Each structure stands twice: as C-alpha cells, then as structure tokens.
Amino acid sequence: VDSSASSKYETYMNSRPGEFEEGAVRQLLSISRELGSEGVPHKIHVAHVAEASVLDEVQIHKNKNLRTAVSFTTETCPHYLFFESGGVPDGATQYKCA
C-alpha cells in the first residue's frame, strides 16, 4: 500500500466494504429463519450496524416474528448517524472506530 494512501480516510473506508456487513447480517437472518422454522427460541443481536441497507430486511424479519420466541435486534453508533465519510479529513484518526 502506498504510504500516502494509508493516511487517507478513503483507504480506511475501502478496507471495510458495506457488502461484508450486508452479507454477515443476511447470513444471521438466514440462521434465525432456519432456527425459527424449527421452533427453536433464540436471540441474535448485531452491534454497530453501519449499513442502512440491511434495516428493511431486519424489520421485515422482526415483524414476521412478533409473537414468537425469536428476537433479532440491532444497534448503531452515533458517529454512523452524524458523520459522512466524505467530510472526514485525511489523517484524522479520531474518526476511526473499528
């Protein structure tokens, strides 16, 4: 990696593709659906969700399981809601949270 690229926030963001989080949450939803179809009570919690794209799928899953022993919850962090990656200056490590 180019040493000048290592201090760029874009480089940091590219090392954490949103598709990875989407895939992980979808895999957990699939596991939850399978357990639920077998009548297995369970709780799954996903911390620090950064990709809004998964929230509709999570809400649909939760709505289908309102009266069951299935619990699928998520949370996010204030910095995901407040900051935009394009506004973070290069080299500003205080914005990195991993």
Protein backbone atom coordinates (compact mmCIF):
# COMPACT_ATOMS: atom_id res chain seq x y z
CA VAL A 1 0.00 0.00 0.00
CA ASP A 2 1.28 3.45 -0.91
CA SER A 3 2.32 5.22 2.34
CA SER A 4 0.38 8.35 1.36
CA ALA A 5 -2.72 6.23 0.80
CA SER A 6 -2.53 4.76 4.31
CA SER A 7 -3.44 8.11 5.88
CA LYS A 8 -6.42 8.69 3.59
CA TYR A 9 -9.82 8.10 5.12
CA GLU A 10 -11.00 6.65 1.80
CA THR A 11 -8.40 3.86 2.17
CA TYR A 12 -9.74 3.07 5.63
CA MET A 13 -13.34 3.04 4.36
CA ASN A 14 -12.42 0.80 1.42
CA SER A 15 -10.98 -1.74 3.87
CA ARG A 16 -14.48 -2.17 5.33
CA PRO A 17 -16.83 -2.72 2.39
CA GLY A 18 -20.52 -2.38 3.19
CA GLU A 19 -21.16 -5.59 1.27
CA PHE A 20 -19.34 -7.52 4.02
CA GLU A 21 -21.69 -6.21 6.69
CA GLU A 22 -24.72 -6.79 4.48
CA GLY A 23 -23.60 -10.38 3.86
CA ALA A 24 -22.99 -11.02 7.55
CA VAL A 25 -26.39 -9.66 8.62
CA ARG A 26 -28.14 -11.60 5.85
CA GLN A 27 -26.39 -14.77 7.00
CA LEU A 28 -27.60 -14.16 10.56
CA LEU A 29 -31.13 -13.54 9.28
CA SER A 30 -30.96 -16.84 7.40
CA ILE A 31 -29.81 -18.66 10.54
CA SER A 32 -32.60 -17.01 12.52
CA ARG A 33 -35.20 -18.05 9.91
CA GLU A 34 -33.93 -21.63 10.00
CA LEU A 35 -33.98 -21.79 13.80
CA GLY A 36 -37.42 -20.18 13.88
CA SER A 37 -38.82 -22.68 11.37
CA GLU A 38 -37.63 -25.47 13.69
CA GLY A 39 -39.30 -23.78 16.67
CA VAL A 40 -36.01 -23.02 18.39
CA PRO A 41 -36.23 -19.91 20.62
CA HIS A 42 -33.21 -17.67 20.13
CA LYS A 43 -31.82 -14.16 20.42
CA ILE A 44 -29.48 -12.58 17.90
CA HIS A 45 -28.09 -9.08 18.37
CA VAL A 46 -25.98 -7.24 15.80
CA ALA A 47 -23.90 -4.41 17.25
CA HIS A 48 -22.63 -1.31 15.43
CA VAL A 49 -24.66 -1.59 12.23
CA ALA A 50 -23.33 0.93 9.73
CA GLU A 51 -25.22 -0.11 6.59
CA ALA A 52 -28.77 1.23 6.47
CA SER A 53 -29.44 -1.12 3.56
CA VAL A 54 -29.96 -4.08 5.93
CA LEU A 55 -32.52 -2.41 8.17
CA ASP A 56 -35.55 -3.08 5.97
CA GLU A 57 -34.75 -6.80 5.89
CA VAL A 58 -34.26 -6.85 9.67
CA GLN A 59 -37.60 -5.04 10.21
CA ILE A 60 -39.46 -7.46 7.94
CA HIS A 61 -37.96 -10.40 9.84
CA LYS A 62 -38.88 -8.84 13.17
CA ASN A 63 -42.46 -8.15 12.04
CA LYS A 64 -42.90 -11.78 10.99
CA ASN A 65 -41.74 -12.96 14.42
CA LEU A 66 -43.59 -10.58 16.75
CA ARG A 67 -45.46 -13.34 18.57
CA THR A 68 -42.67 -15.90 18.66
CA ALA A 69 -39.63 -16.63 20.83
CA VAL A 70 -37.38 -15.16 18.13
CA SER A 71 -35.50 -11.99 18.98
CA PHE A 72 -33.38 -10.25 16.33
CA THR A 73 -32.11 -6.83 17.33
CA THR A 74 -29.60 -4.32 16.03
CA GLU A 75 -27.93 -1.17 17.23
CA THR A 76 -25.80 1.54 15.68
CA CYS A 77 -23.42 4.22 16.94
CA PRO A 78 -23.85 8.00 16.98
CA HIS A 79 -20.87 8.55 14.71
CA TYR A 80 -22.50 6.42 11.98
CA LEU A 81 -25.51 8.73 12.11
CA PHE A 82 -23.67 12.03 12.39
CA PHE A 83 -20.53 11.91 10.22
CA GLU A 84 -20.29 11.44 6.46
CA SER A 85 -17.17 9.72 5.16
CA GLY A 86 -16.65 12.42 2.54
CA GLY A 87 -16.35 15.04 5.27
CA VAL A 88 -13.61 13.29 7.24
CA PRO A 89 -10.18 14.81 6.57
CA ASP A 90 -7.27 12.54 5.66
CA GLY A 91 -5.11 11.62 8.65
CA ALA A 92 -7.89 12.37 11.16
CA THR A 93 -7.60 9.12 13.11
CA GLN A 94 -10.06 10.28 15.77
CA TYR A 95 -12.84 9.44 13.28
CA LYS A 96 -11.75 5.80 13.00
CA CYS A 97 -13.72 3.37 15.10
CA ALA A 98 -13.16 -0.31 14.45
